[in-house]
Amino acid sequence: MGPKRASPCRHLPGDVTPVDLERLLWVVVAFALIADVVTTFVGLNLGLSESNPAARSAIEDHGLAGMLVLKAFAVIVGLVCRPLLEQPYRPIVPAGLAVPWLVAAALNAYMISVVL
């Protein structure tokens, strides 16, 4: 007998499949993107500054459109790289987009609360 390959499906709760998980995570990506963009611009309007140099440059040069293009580019890179992964591992793509954007939105919300 050869070595057994671990399947990530065995570790998901209930009847959740990797496809179901990936769909849910893409919804989280949309929420995180909106939350990050909204809290970023609220913070900027309150006098806070963008700490990410790429985002700061995009915002300074093109405003909201620059920020949206930057986010769209990240999503496109994720979508292009997604097929390179085996099906059970594809949820890592939306998770890799959602987690940093959720953290950024939470930090933005905290900074906004400090200013208010």
PDB file of N, CA and C in Angstrom:
ATOM      1  N   MET A   1       0.832  -1.186   0.000  1.00  0.00           N
ATOM      2  CA  MET A   1       0.000   0.000   0.000  1.00  0.00           C
ATOM      3  C   MET A   1       0.871   1.242   0.000  1.00  0.00           C
ATOM      4  N   GLY A   2       0.432   2.253  -0.728  1.00  0.00           N
ATOM      5  CA  GLY A   2       1.149   3.519  -0.768  1.00  0.00           C
ATOM      6  C   GLY A   2       0.688   4.428   0.360  1.00  0.00           C
ATOM      7  N   PRO A   3       1.357   5.556   0.536  1.00  0.00           N
ATOM      8  CA  PRO A   3       0.969   6.493   1.597  1.00  0.00           C
ATOM      9  C   PRO A   3      -0.395   7.109   1.300  1.00  0.00           C
ATOM     10  N   LYS A   4      -1.160   7.324   2.346  1.00  0.00           N
ATOM     11  CA  LYS A   4      -2.470   7.958   2.205  1.00  0.00           C
ATOM     12  C   LYS A   4      -2.303   9.468   2.142  1.00  0.00           C
ATOM     13  N   ARG A   5      -3.008  10.082   1.207  1.00  0.00           N
ATOM     14  CA  ARG A   5      -2.997  11.545   1.119  1.00  0.00           C
ATOM     15  C   ARG A   5      -4.096  12.085   2.002  1.00  0.00           C
ATOM     16  N   ALA A   6      -3.768  13.074   2.787  1.00  0.00           N
ATOM     17  CA  ALA A   6      -4.772  13.706   3.639  1.00  0.00           C
ATOM     18  C   ALA A   6      -5.717  14.527   2.775  1.00  0.00           C
ATOM     19  N   SER A   7      -6.972  14.423   3.060  1.00  0.00           N
ATOM     20  CA  SER A   7      -7.971  15.184   2.319  1.00  0.00           C
ATOM     21  C   SER A   7      -8.545  16.272   3.214  1.00  0.00           C
ATOM     22  N   PRO A   8      -8.506  17.539   2.761  1.00  0.00           N
ATOM     23  CA  PRO A   8      -9.055  18.606   3.584  1.00  0.00           C
ATOM     24  C   PRO A   8     -10.553  18.441   3.803  1.00  0.00           C
ATOM     25  N   CYS A   9     -11.239  17.643   2.970  1.00  0.00           N
ATOM     26  CA  CYS A   9     -12.682  17.435   3.115  1.00  0.00           C
ATOM     27  C   CYS A   9     -12.998  16.759   4.439  1.00  0.00           C
ATOM     28  N   ARG A  10     -12.102  15.960   4.936  1.00  0.00           N
ATOM     29  CA  ARG A  10     -12.344  15.239   6.183  1.00  0.00           C
ATOM     30  C   ARG A  10     -12.384  16.168   7.387  1.00  0.00           C
ATOM     31  N   HIS A  11     -11.873  17.359   7.246  1.00  0.00           N
ATOM     32  CA  HIS A  11     -11.781  18.261   8.388  1.00  0.00           C
ATOM     33  C   HIS A  11     -12.867  19.332   8.394  1.00  0.00           C
ATOM     34  N   LEU A  12     -13.734  19.328   7.399  1.00  0.00           N
ATOM     35  CA  LEU A  12     -14.803  20.314   7.350  1.00  0.00           C
ATOM     36  C   LEU A  12     -16.002  19.783   8.131  1.00  0.00           C
ATOM     37  N   PRO A  13     -16.694  20.661   8.845  1.00  0.00           N
ATOM     38  CA  PRO A  13     -17.816  20.204   9.660  1.00  0.00           C
ATOM     39  C   PRO A  13     -19.030  19.809   8.817  1.00  0.00           C
ATOM     40  N   GLY A  14     -19.759  18.812   9.297  1.00  0.00           N
ATOM     41  CA  GLY A  14     -21.027  18.430   8.683  1.00  0.00           C
ATOM     42  C   GLY A  14     -20.909  18.094   7.215  1.00  0.00           C
ATOM     43  N   ASP A  15     -21.843  18.604   6.448  1.00  0.00           N
ATOM     44  CA  ASP A  15     -21.902  18.337   5.020  1.00  0.00           C
ATOM     45  C   ASP A  15     -21.240  19.439   4.190  1.00  0.00           C
ATOM     46  N   VAL A  16     -20.418  20.255   4.808  1.00  0.00           N
ATOM     47  CA  VAL A  16     -19.773  21.355   4.096  1.00  0.00           C
ATOM     48  C   VAL A  16     -18.703  20.798   3.165  1.00  0.00           C
ATOM     49  N   THR A  17     -18.766  21.199   1.920  1.00  0.00           N
ATOM     50  CA  THR A  17     -17.761  20.782   0.945  1.00  0.00           C
ATOM     51  C   THR A  17     -16.798  21.942   0.702  1.00  0.00           C
ATOM     52  N   PRO A  18     -15.639  21.665   0.125  1.00  0.00           N
ATOM     53  CA  PRO A  18     -14.737  22.764  -0.216  1.00  0.00           C
ATOM     54  C   PRO A  18     -15.385  23.787  -1.151  1.00  0.00           C
ATOM     55  N   VAL A  19     -16.272  23.336  -2.032  1.00  0.00           N
ATOM     56  CA  VAL A  19     -16.968  24.255  -2.942  1.00  0.00           C
ATOM     57  C   VAL A  19     -17.897  25.178  -2.146  1.00  0.00           C
ATOM     58  N   ASP A  20     -18.630  24.615  -1.177  1.00  0.00           N
ATOM     59  CA  ASP A  20     -19.501  25.431  -0.321  1.00  0.00           C
ATOM     60  C   ASP A  20     -18.682  26.451   0.464  1.00  0.00           C
ATOM     61  N   LEU A  21     -17.566  25.990   1.012  1.00  0.00           N
ATOM     62  CA  LEU A  21     -16.702  26.873   1.787  1.00  0.00           C
ATOM     63  C   LEU A  21     -16.159  28.000   0.919  1.00  0.00           C
ATOM     64  N   GLU A  22     -15.748  27.650  -0.290  1.00  0.00           N
ATOM     65  CA  GLU A  22     -15.213  28.673  -1.189  1.00  0.00           C
ATOM     66  C   GLU A  22     -16.272  29.715  -1.535  1.00  0.00           C
ATOM     67  N   ARG A  23     -17.499  29.271  -1.807  1.00  0.00           N
ATOM     68  CA  ARG A  23     -18.588  30.222  -2.097  1.00  0.00           C
ATOM     69  C   ARG A  23     -18.798  31.179  -0.937  1.00  0.00           C
ATOM     70  N   LEU A  24     -18.851  30.637   0.277  1.00  0.00           N
ATOM     71  CA  LEU A  24     -19.023  31.469   1.466  1.00  0.00           C
ATOM     72  C   LEU A  24     -17.880  32.469   1.596  1.00  0.00           C
ATOM     73  N   LEU A  25     -16.668  32.010   1.350  1.00  0.00           N
ATOM     74  CA  LEU A  25     -15.514  32.903   1.486  1.00  0.00           C
ATOM     75  C   LEU A  25     -15.509  34.012   0.431  1.00  0.00           C
ATOM     76  N   TRP A  26     -16.041  33.757  -0.765  1.00  0.00           N
ATOM     77  CA  TRP A  26     -16.137  34.833  -1.764  1.00  0.00           C
ATOM     78  C   TRP A  26     -17.133  35.895  -1.304  1.00  0.00           C
ATOM     79  N   VAL A  27     -18.177  35.497  -0.594  1.00  0.00           N
ATOM     80  CA  VAL A  27     -19.116  36.471  -0.014  1.00  0.00           C
ATOM     81  C   VAL A  27     -18.393  37.293   1.055  1.00  0.00           C
ATOM     82  N   VAL A  28     -17.562  36.623   1.849  1.00  0.00           N
ATOM     83  CA  VAL A  28     -16.776  37.329   2.863  1.00  0.00           C
ATOM     84  C   VAL A  28     -15.803  38.299   2.199  1.00  0.00           C
ATOM     85  N   VAL A  29     -15.221  37.917   1.069  1.00  0.00           N
ATOM     86  CA  VAL A  29     -14.323  38.818   0.324  1.00  0.00           C
ATOM     87  C   VAL A  29     -15.066  40.091  -0.064  1.00  0.00           C
ATOM     88  N   ALA A  30     -16.279  39.942  -0.590  1.00  0.00           N
ATOM     89  CA  ALA A  30     -17.061  41.119  -0.997  1.00  0.00           C
ATOM     90  C   ALA A  30     -17.335  42.019   0.204  1.00  0.00           C
ATOM     91  N   PHE A  31     -17.742  41.420   1.323  1.00  0.00           N
ATOM     92  CA  PHE A  31     -17.991  42.196   2.542  1.00  0.00           C
ATOM     93  C   PHE A  31     -16.718  42.890   3.011  1.00  0.00           C
ATOM     94  N   ALA A  32     -15.606  42.148   3.040  1.00  0.00           N
ATOM     95  CA  ALA A  32     -14.339  42.705   3.516  1.00  0.00           C
ATOM     96  C   ALA A  32     -13.853  43.842   2.623  1.00  0.00           C
ATOM     97  N   LEU A  33     -14.000  43.684   1.316  1.00  0.00           N
ATOM     98  CA  LEU A  33     -13.591  44.726   0.380  1.00  0.00           C
ATOM     99  C   LEU A  33     -14.387  46.009   0.640  1.00  0.00           C
ATOM    100  N   ILE A  34     -15.693  45.869   0.744  1.00  0.00           N
ATOM    101  CA  ILE A  34     -16.547  47.039   1.000  1.00  0.00           C
ATOM    102  C   ILE A  34     -16.205  47.658   2.346  1.00  0.00           C
ATOM    103  N   ALA A  35     -16.046  46.828   3.371  1.00  0.00           N
ATOM    104  CA  ALA A  35     -15.732  47.341   4.707  1.00  0.00           C
ATOM    105  C   ALA A  35     -14.405  48.087   4.721  1.00  0.00           C
ATOM    106  N   ASP A  36     -13.396  47.552   4.051  1.00  0.00           N
ATOM    107  CA  ASP A  36     -12.089  48.205   4.010  1.00  0.00           C
ATOM    108  C   ASP A  36     -12.160  49.531   3.262  1.00  0.00           C
ATOM    109  N   VAL A  37     -12.804  49.534   2.117  1.00  0.00           N
ATOM    110  CA  VAL A  37     -12.896  50.770   1.325  1.00  0.00           C
ATOM    111  C   VAL A  37     -13.689  51.841   2.086  1.00  0.00           C
ATOM    112  N   VAL A  38     -14.822  51.468   2.634  1.00  0.00           N
ATOM    113  CA  VAL A  38     -15.655  52.453   3.347  1.00  0.00           C
ATOM    114  C   VAL A  38     -14.920  52.998   4.564  1.00  0.00           C
ATOM    115  N   THR A  39     -14.347  52.110   5.388  1.00  0.00           N
ATOM    116  CA  THR A  39     -13.661  52.603   6.589  1.00  0.00           C
ATOM    117  C   THR A  39     -12.405  53.399   6.231  1.00  0.00           C
ATOM    118  N   THR A  40     -11.754  53.043   5.145  1.00  0.00           N
ATOM    119  CA  THR A  40     -10.586  53.818   4.710  1.00  0.00           C
ATOM    120  C   THR A  40     -10.994  55.250   4.378  1.00  0.00           C
ATOM    121  N   PHE A  41     -12.048  55.406   3.590  1.00  0.00           N
ATOM    122  CA  PHE A  41     -12.439  56.754   3.178  1.00  0.00           C
ATOM    123  C   PHE A  41     -13.076  57.549   4.304  1.00  0.00           C
ATOM    124  N   VAL A  42     -13.771  56.887   5.207  1.00  0.00           N
ATOM    125  CA  VAL A  42     -14.283  57.591   6.395  1.00  0.00           C
ATOM    126  C   VAL A  42     -13.101  58.106   7.201  1.00  0.00           C
ATOM    127  N   GLY A  43     -12.105  57.237   7.415  1.00  0.00           N
ATOM    128  CA  GLY A  43     -10.918  57.649   8.162  1.00  0.00           C
ATOM    129  C   GLY A  43     -10.176  58.792   7.487  1.00  0.00           C
ATOM    130  N   LEU A  44     -10.025  58.727   6.181  1.00  0.00           N
ATOM    131  CA  LEU A  44      -9.356  59.810   5.458  1.00  0.00           C
ATOM    132  C   LEU A  44     -10.118  61.124   5.610  1.00  0.00           C
ATOM    133  N   ASN A  45     -11.436  61.061   5.554  1.00  0.00           N
ATOM    134  CA  ASN A  45     -12.248  62.273   5.714  1.00  0.00           C
ATOM    135  C   ASN A  45     -12.177  62.827   7.129  1.00  0.00           C
ATOM    136  N   LEU A  46     -11.796  61.991   8.093  1.00  0.00           N
ATOM    137  CA  LEU A  46     -11.637  62.447   9.475  1.00  0.00           C
ATOM    138  C   LEU A  46     -10.210  62.907   9.771  1.00  0.00           C
ATOM    139  N   GLY A  47      -9.351  62.870   8.760  1.00  0.00           N
ATOM    140  CA  GLY A  47      -7.985  63.348   8.937  1.00  0.00           C
ATOM    141  C   GLY A  47      -6.950  62.264   9.164  1.00  0.00           C
ATOM    142  N   LEU A  48      -7.364  61.010   9.131  1.00  0.00           N
ATOM    143  CA  LEU A  48      -6.396  59.921   9.253  1.00  0.00           C
ATOM    144  C   LEU A  48      -5.670  59.746   7.923  1.00  0.00           C
ATOM    145  N   SER A  49      -4.588  58.979   7.929  1.00  0.00           N
ATOM    146  CA  SER A  49      -3.836  58.765   6.687  1.00  0.00           C
ATOM    147  C   SER A  49      -3.746  57.272   6.378  1.00  0.00           C
ATOM    148  N   GLU A  50      -3.610  56.966   5.119  1.00  0.00           N
ATOM    149  CA  GLU A  50      -3.462  55.575   4.659  1.00  0.00           C
ATOM    150  C   GLU A  50      -2.031  55.139   4.910  1.00  0.00           C
ATOM    151  N   SER A  51      -1.843  53.998   5.571  1.00  0.00           N
ATOM    152  CA  SER A  51      -0.485  53.545   5.892  1.00  0.00           C
ATOM    153  C   SER A  51       0.118  52.656   4.809  1.00  0.00           C
ATOM    154  N   ASN A  52      -0.705  52.062   3.951  1.00  0.00           N
ATOM    155  CA  ASN A  52      -0.200  51.226   2.870  1.00  0.00           C
ATOM    156  C   ASN A  52       0.274  52.133   1.734  1.00  0.00           C
ATOM    157  N   PRO A  53       1.568  52.101   1.404  1.00  0.00           N
ATOM    158  CA  PRO A  53       2.078  53.028   0.387  1.00  0.00           C
ATOM    159  C   PRO A  53       1.441  52.854  -0.995  1.00  0.00           C
ATOM    160  N   ALA A  54       1.142  51.623  -1.384  1.00  0.00           N
ATOM    161  CA  ALA A  54       0.507  51.407  -2.696  1.00  0.00           C
ATOM    162  C   ALA A  54      -0.902  51.992  -2.703  1.00  0.00           C
ATOM    163  N   ALA A  55      -1.659  51.725  -1.647  1.00  0.00           N
ATOM    164  CA  ALA A  55      -3.023  52.260  -1.558  1.00  0.00           C
ATOM    165  C   ALA A  55      -2.990  53.781  -1.432  1.00  0.00           C
ATOM    166  N   ARG A  56      -2.042  54.297  -0.645  1.00  0.00           N
ATOM    167  CA  ARG A  56      -1.938  55.749  -0.469  1.00  0.00           C
ATOM    168  C   ARG A  56      -1.693  56.425  -1.813  1.00  0.00           C
ATOM    169  N   SER A  57      -0.785  55.868  -2.600  1.00  0.00           N
ATOM    170  CA  SER A  57      -0.484  56.439  -3.914  1.00  0.00           C
ATOM    171  C   SER A  57      -1.697  56.364  -4.835  1.00  0.00           C
ATOM    172  N   ALA A  58      -2.386  55.216  -4.848  1.00  0.00           N
ATOM    173  CA  ALA A  58      -3.575  55.063  -5.698  1.00  0.00           C
ATOM    174  C   ALA A  58      -4.660  56.052  -5.307  1.00  0.00           C
ATOM    175  N   ILE A  59      -4.845  56.236  -4.009  1.00  0.00           N
ATOM    176  CA  ILE A  59      -5.877  57.165  -3.524  1.00  0.00           C
ATOM    177  C   ILE A  59      -5.493  58.606  -3.829  1.00  0.00           C
ATOM    178  N   GLU A  60      -4.239  58.955  -3.580  1.00  0.00           N
ATOM    179  CA  GLU A  60      -3.798  60.328  -3.845  1.00  0.00           C
ATOM    180  C   GLU A  60      -3.900  60.682  -5.322  1.00  0.00           C
ATOM    181  N   ASP A  61      -3.585  59.712  -6.189  1.00  0.00           N
ATOM    182  CA  ASP A  61      -3.592  59.981  -7.626  1.00  0.00           C
ATOM    183  C   ASP A  61      -4.966  59.872  -8.271  1.00  0.00           C
ATOM    184  N   HIS A  62      -5.797  58.932  -7.783  1.00  0.00           N
ATOM    185  CA  HIS A  62      -7.055  58.654  -8.485  1.00  0.00           C
ATOM    186  C   HIS A  62      -8.274  58.544  -7.580  1.00  0.00           C
ATOM    187  N   GLY A  63      -8.114  58.796  -6.291  1.00  0.00           N
ATOM    188  CA  GLY A  63      -9.252  58.761  -5.374  1.00  0.00           C
ATOM    189  C   GLY A  63      -9.856  57.375  -5.233  1.00  0.00           C
ATOM    190  N   LEU A  64     -11.174  57.337  -5.086  1.00  0.00           N
ATOM    191  CA  LEU A  64     -11.891  56.080  -4.903  1.00  0.00           C
ATOM    192  C   LEU A  64     -11.645  55.124  -6.067  1.00  0.00           C
ATOM    193  N   ALA A  65     -11.600  55.637  -7.285  1.00  0.00           N
ATOM    194  CA  ALA A  65     -11.365  54.788  -8.454  1.00  0.00           C
ATOM    195  C   ALA A  65     -10.017  54.073  -8.338  1.00  0.00           C
ATOM    196  N   GLY A  66      -9.002  54.768  -7.863  1.00  0.00           N
ATOM    197  CA  GLY A  66      -7.690  54.151  -7.686  1.00  0.00           C
ATOM    198  C   GLY A  66      -7.723  53.020  -6.676  1.00  0.00           C
ATOM    199  N   MET A  67      -8.439  53.240  -5.580  1.00  0.00           N
ATOM    200  CA  MET A  67      -8.556  52.205  -4.554  1.00  0.00           C
ATOM    201  C   MET A  67      -9.311  50.994  -5.107  1.00  0.00           C
ATOM    202  N   LEU A  68     -10.383  51.229  -5.856  1.00  0.00           N
ATOM    203  CA  LEU A  68     -11.170  50.131  -6.419  1.00  0.00           C
ATOM    204  C   LEU A  68     -10.381  49.351  -7.469  1.00  0.00           C
ATOM    205  N   VAL A  69      -9.580  50.044  -8.262  1.00  0.00           N
ATOM    206  CA  VAL A  69      -8.733  49.358  -9.253  1.00  0.00           C
ATOM    207  C   VAL A  69      -7.704  48.478  -8.534  1.00  0.00           C
ATOM    208  N   LEU A  70      -7.139  48.985  -7.461  1.00  0.00           N
ATOM    209  CA  LEU A  70      -6.169  48.214  -6.681  1.00  0.00           C
ATOM    210  C   LEU A  70      -6.815  46.943  -6.121  1.00  0.00           C
ATOM    211  N   LYS A  71      -8.005  47.071  -5.572  1.00  0.00           N
ATOM    212  CA  LYS A  71      -8.731  45.909  -5.033  1.00  0.00           C
ATOM    213  C   LYS A  71      -9.101  44.946  -6.160  1.00  0.00           C
ATOM    214  N   ALA A  72      -9.563  45.480  -7.283  1.00  0.00           N
ATOM    215  CA  ALA A  72      -9.931  44.633  -8.418  1.00  0.00           C
ATOM    216  C   ALA A  72      -8.722  43.852  -8.918  1.00  0.00           C
ATOM    217  N   PHE A  73      -7.560  44.492  -8.948  1.00  0.00           N
ATOM    218  CA  PHE A  73      -6.335  43.816  -9.381  1.00  0.00           C
ATOM    219  C   PHE A  73      -6.033  42.636  -8.464  1.00  0.00           C
ATOM    220  N   ALA A  74      -6.187  42.821  -7.152  1.00  0.00           N
ATOM    221  CA  ALA A  74      -5.932  41.736  -6.200  1.00  0.00           C
ATOM    222  C   ALA A  74      -6.893  40.574  -6.434  1.00  0.00           C
ATOM    223  N   VAL A  75      -8.167  40.885  -6.663  1.00  0.00           N
ATOM    224  CA  VAL A  75      -9.161  39.837  -6.911  1.00  0.00           C
ATOM    225  C   VAL A  75      -8.839  39.107  -8.219  1.00  0.00           C
ATOM    226  N   ILE A  76      -8.459  39.844  -9.244  1.00  0.00           N
ATOM    227  CA  ILE A  76      -8.126  39.225 -10.530  1.00  0.00           C
ATOM    228  C   ILE A  76      -6.921  38.292 -10.393  1.00  0.00           C
ATOM    229  N   VAL A  77      -5.902  38.710  -9.665  1.00  0.00           N
ATOM    230  CA  VAL A  77      -4.738  37.844  -9.439  1.00  0.00           C
ATOM    231  C   VAL A  77      -5.184  36.563  -8.740  1.00  0.00           C
ATOM    232  N   GLY A  78      -6.046  36.698  -7.738  1.00  0.00           N
ATOM    233  CA  GLY A  78      -6.560  35.520  -7.049  1.00  0.00           C
ATOM    234  C   GLY A  78      -7.324  34.598  -7.975  1.00  0.00           C
ATOM    235  N   LEU A  79      -8.174  35.172  -8.814  1.00  0.00           N
ATOM    236  CA  LEU A  79      -8.964  34.359  -9.742  1.00  0.00           C
ATOM    237  C   LEU A  79      -8.100  33.674 -10.791  1.00  0.00           C
ATOM    238  N   VAL A  80      -7.043  34.339 -11.229  1.00  0.00           N
ATOM    239  CA  VAL A  80      -6.131  33.749 -12.214  1.00  0.00           C
ATOM    240  C   VAL A  80      -5.326  32.610 -11.582  1.00  0.00           C
ATOM    241  N   CYS A  81      -4.925  32.769 -10.335  1.00  0.00           N
ATOM    242  CA  CYS A  81      -4.120  31.741  -9.662  1.00  0.00           C
ATOM    243  C   CYS A  81      -4.968  30.580  -9.138  1.00  0.00           C
ATOM    244  N   ARG A  82      -6.227  30.804  -8.906  1.00  0.00           N
ATOM    245  CA  ARG A  82      -7.132  29.804  -8.334  1.00  0.00           C
ATOM    246  C   ARG A  82      -7.095  28.464  -9.059  1.00  0.00           C
ATOM    247  N   PRO A  83      -7.150  28.432 -10.395  1.00  0.00           N
ATOM    248  CA  PRO A  83      -7.139  27.133 -11.088  1.00  0.00           C
ATOM    249  C   PRO A  83      -5.833  26.350 -10.926  1.00  0.00           C
ATOM    250  N   LEU A  84      -4.800  26.984 -10.454  1.00  0.00           N
ATOM    251  CA  LEU A  84      -3.530  26.292 -10.244  1.00  0.00           C
ATOM    252  C   LEU A  84      -3.582  25.362  -9.032  1.00  0.00           C
ATOM    253  N   LEU A  85      -4.588  25.547  -8.185  1.00  0.00           N
ATOM    254  CA  LEU A  85      -4.738  24.727  -6.987  1.00  0.00           C
ATOM    255  C   LEU A  85      -5.712  23.585  -7.228  1.00  0.00           C
ATOM    256  N   GLU A  86      -5.504  22.480  -6.527  1.00  0.00           N
ATOM    257  CA  GLU A  86      -6.476  21.400  -6.567  1.00  0.00           C
ATOM    258  C   GLU A  86      -7.766  21.885  -5.907  1.00  0.00           C
ATOM    259  N   GLN A  87      -8.888  21.354  -6.343  1.00  0.00           N
ATOM    260  CA  GLN A  87     -10.208  21.804  -5.884  1.00  0.00           C
ATOM    261  C   GLN A  87     -10.325  21.946  -4.356  1.00  0.00           C
ATOM    262  N   PRO A  88      -9.871  20.972  -3.571  1.00  0.00           N
ATOM    263  CA  PRO A  88     -10.058  21.107  -2.121  1.00  0.00           C
ATOM    264  C   PRO A  88      -9.292  22.273  -1.499  1.00  0.00           C
ATOM    265  N   TYR A  89      -8.270  22.764  -2.184  1.00  0.00           N
ATOM    266  CA  TYR A  89      -7.434  23.826  -1.624  1.00  0.00           C
ATOM    267  C   TYR A  89      -7.795  25.216  -2.147  1.00  0.00           C
ATOM    268  N   ARG A  90      -8.738  25.306  -3.039  1.00  0.00           N
ATOM    269  CA  ARG A  90      -9.097  26.594  -3.636  1.00  0.00           C
ATOM    270  C   ARG A  90      -9.696  27.608  -2.658  1.00  0.00           C
ATOM    271  N   PRO A  91     -10.323  27.199  -1.563  1.00  0.00           N
ATOM    272  CA  PRO A  91     -10.831  28.205  -0.620  1.00  0.00           C
ATOM    273  C   PRO A  91      -9.739  29.101  -0.026  1.00  0.00           C
ATOM    274  N   ILE A  92      -8.476  28.688  -0.141  1.00  0.00           N
ATOM    275  CA  ILE A  92      -7.396  29.526   0.386  1.00  0.00           C
ATOM    276  C   ILE A  92      -7.316  30.856  -0.362  1.00  0.00           C
ATOM    277  N   VAL A  93      -7.749  30.879  -1.621  1.00  0.00           N
ATOM    278  CA  VAL A  93      -7.669  32.117  -2.411  1.00  0.00           C
ATOM    279  C   VAL A  93      -8.579  33.198  -1.830  1.00  0.00           C
ATOM    280  N   PRO A  94      -9.882  32.955  -1.675  1.00  0.00           N
ATOM    281  CA  PRO A  94     -10.697  34.013  -1.078  1.00  0.00           C
ATOM    282  C   PRO A  94     -10.331  34.283   0.380  1.00  0.00           C
ATOM    283  N   ALA A  95      -9.896  33.260   1.099  1.00  0.00           N
ATOM    284  CA  ALA A  95      -9.471  33.494   2.484  1.00  0.00           C
ATOM    285  C   ALA A  95      -8.266  34.431   2.528  1.00  0.00           C
ATOM    286  N   GLY A  96      -7.342  34.234   1.577  1.00  0.00           N
ATOM    287  CA  GLY A  96      -6.151  35.089   1.514  1.00  0.00           C
ATOM    288  C   GLY A  96      -6.458  36.529   1.154  1.00  0.00           C
ATOM    289  N   LEU A  97      -7.577  36.756   0.498  1.00  0.00           N
ATOM    290  CA  LEU A  97      -8.022  38.120   0.203  1.00  0.00           C
ATOM    291  C   LEU A  97      -8.818  38.690   1.374  1.00  0.00           C
ATOM    292  N   ALA A  98      -9.718  37.885   1.920  1.00  0.00           N
ATOM    293  CA  ALA A  98     -10.639  38.379   2.940  1.00  0.00           C
ATOM    294  C   ALA A  98      -9.956  38.711   4.264  1.00  0.00           C
ATOM    295  N   VAL A  99      -9.055  37.856   4.720  1.00  0.00           N
ATOM    296  CA  VAL A  99      -8.466  38.058   6.049  1.00  0.00           C
ATOM    297  C   VAL A  99      -7.739  39.395   6.172  1.00  0.00           C
ATOM    298  N   PRO A 100      -6.818  39.741   5.269  1.00  0.00           N
ATOM    299  CA  PRO A 100      -6.149  41.039   5.442  1.00  0.00           C
ATOM    300  C   PRO A 100      -7.099  42.226   5.314  1.00  0.00           C
ATOM    301  N   TRP A 101      -8.104  42.117   4.443  1.00  0.00           N
ATOM    302  CA  TRP A 101      -9.051  43.218   4.289  1.00  0.00           C
ATOM    303  C   TRP A 101      -9.942  43.355   5.518  1.00  0.00           C
ATOM    304  N   LEU A 102     -10.301  42.238   6.149  1.00  0.00           N
ATOM    305  CA  LEU A 102     -11.079  42.308   7.389  1.00  0.00           C
ATOM    306  C   LEU A 102     -10.243  42.905   8.515  1.00  0.00           C
ATOM    307  N   VAL A 103      -8.981  42.521   8.583  1.00  0.00           N
ATOM    308  CA  VAL A 103      -8.086  43.095   9.598  1.00  0.00           C
ATOM    309  C   VAL A 103      -7.931  44.596   9.361  1.00  0.00           C
ATOM    310  N   ALA A 104      -7.741  44.992   8.109  1.00  0.00           N
ATOM    311  CA  ALA A 104      -7.603  46.416   7.789  1.00  0.00           C
ATOM    312  C   ALA A 104      -8.872  47.181   8.165  1.00  0.00           C
ATOM    313  N   ALA A 105     -10.031  46.613   7.860  1.00  0.00           N
ATOM    314  CA  ALA A 105     -11.290  47.279   8.191  1.00  0.00           C
ATOM    315  C   ALA A 105     -11.447  47.404   9.703  1.00  0.00           C
ATOM    316  N   ALA A 106     -11.055  46.372  10.439  1.00  0.00           N
ATOM    317  CA  ALA A 106     -11.142  46.430  11.904  1.00  0.00           C
ATOM    318  C   ALA A 106     -10.196  47.492  12.468  1.00  0.00           C
ATOM    319  N   LEU A 107      -8.970  47.544  11.937  1.00  0.00           N
ATOM    320  CA  LEU A 107      -8.028  48.577  12.386  1.00  0.00           C
ATOM    321  C   LEU A 107      -8.531  49.968  12.024  1.00  0.00           C
ATOM    322  N   ASN A 108      -9.091  50.100  10.828  1.00  0.00           N
ATOM    323  CA  ASN A 108      -9.666  51.389  10.426  1.00  0.00           C
ATOM    324  C   ASN A 108     -10.786  51.796  11.377  1.00  0.00           C
ATOM    325  N   ALA A 109     -11.664  50.852  11.675  1.00  0.00           N
ATOM    326  CA  ALA A 109     -12.791  51.144  12.587  1.00  0.00           C
ATOM    327  C   ALA A 109     -12.273  51.559  13.954  1.00  0.00           C
ATOM    328  N   TYR A 110     -11.240  50.894  14.440  1.00  0.00           N
ATOM    329  CA  TYR A 110     -10.658  51.275  15.729  1.00  0.00           C
ATOM    330  C   TYR A 110     -10.101  52.699  15.675  1.00  0.00           C
ATOM    331  N   MET A 111      -9.340  52.996  14.618  1.00  0.00           N
ATOM    332  CA  MET A 111      -8.762  54.340  14.491  1.00  0.00           C
ATOM    333  C   MET A 111      -9.847  55.405  14.380  1.00  0.00           C
ATOM    334  N   ILE A 112     -10.910  55.097  13.666  1.00  0.00           N
ATOM    335  CA  ILE A 112     -12.032  56.022  13.542  1.00  0.00           C
ATOM    336  C   ILE A 112     -12.646  56.268  14.914  1.00  0.00           C
ATOM    337  N   SER A 113     -12.805  55.196  15.705  1.00  0.00           N
ATOM    338  CA  SER A 113     -13.399  55.353  17.034  1.00  0.00           C
ATOM    339  C   SER A 113     -12.519  56.194  17.949  1.00  0.00           C
ATOM    340  N   VAL A 114     -11.208  56.103  17.764  1.00  0.00           N
ATOM    341  CA  VAL A 114     -10.285  56.906  18.577  1.00  0.00           C
ATOM    342  C   VAL A 114     -10.429  58.390  18.213  1.00  0.00           C
ATOM    343  N   VAL A 115     -10.577  58.684  16.927  1.00  0.00           N
ATOM    344  CA  VAL A 115     -10.681  60.065  16.464  1.00  0.00           C
ATOM    345  C   VAL A 115     -12.011  60.690  16.886  1.00  0.00           C
ATOM    346  N   LEU A 116     -13.061  59.883  16.854  1.00  0.00           N
ATOM    347  CA  LEU A 116     -14.377  60.406  17.230  1.00  0.00           C
ATOM    348  C   LEU A 116     -14.435  60.536  18.720  1.00  0.00           C
TER     349      LEU A 116
END
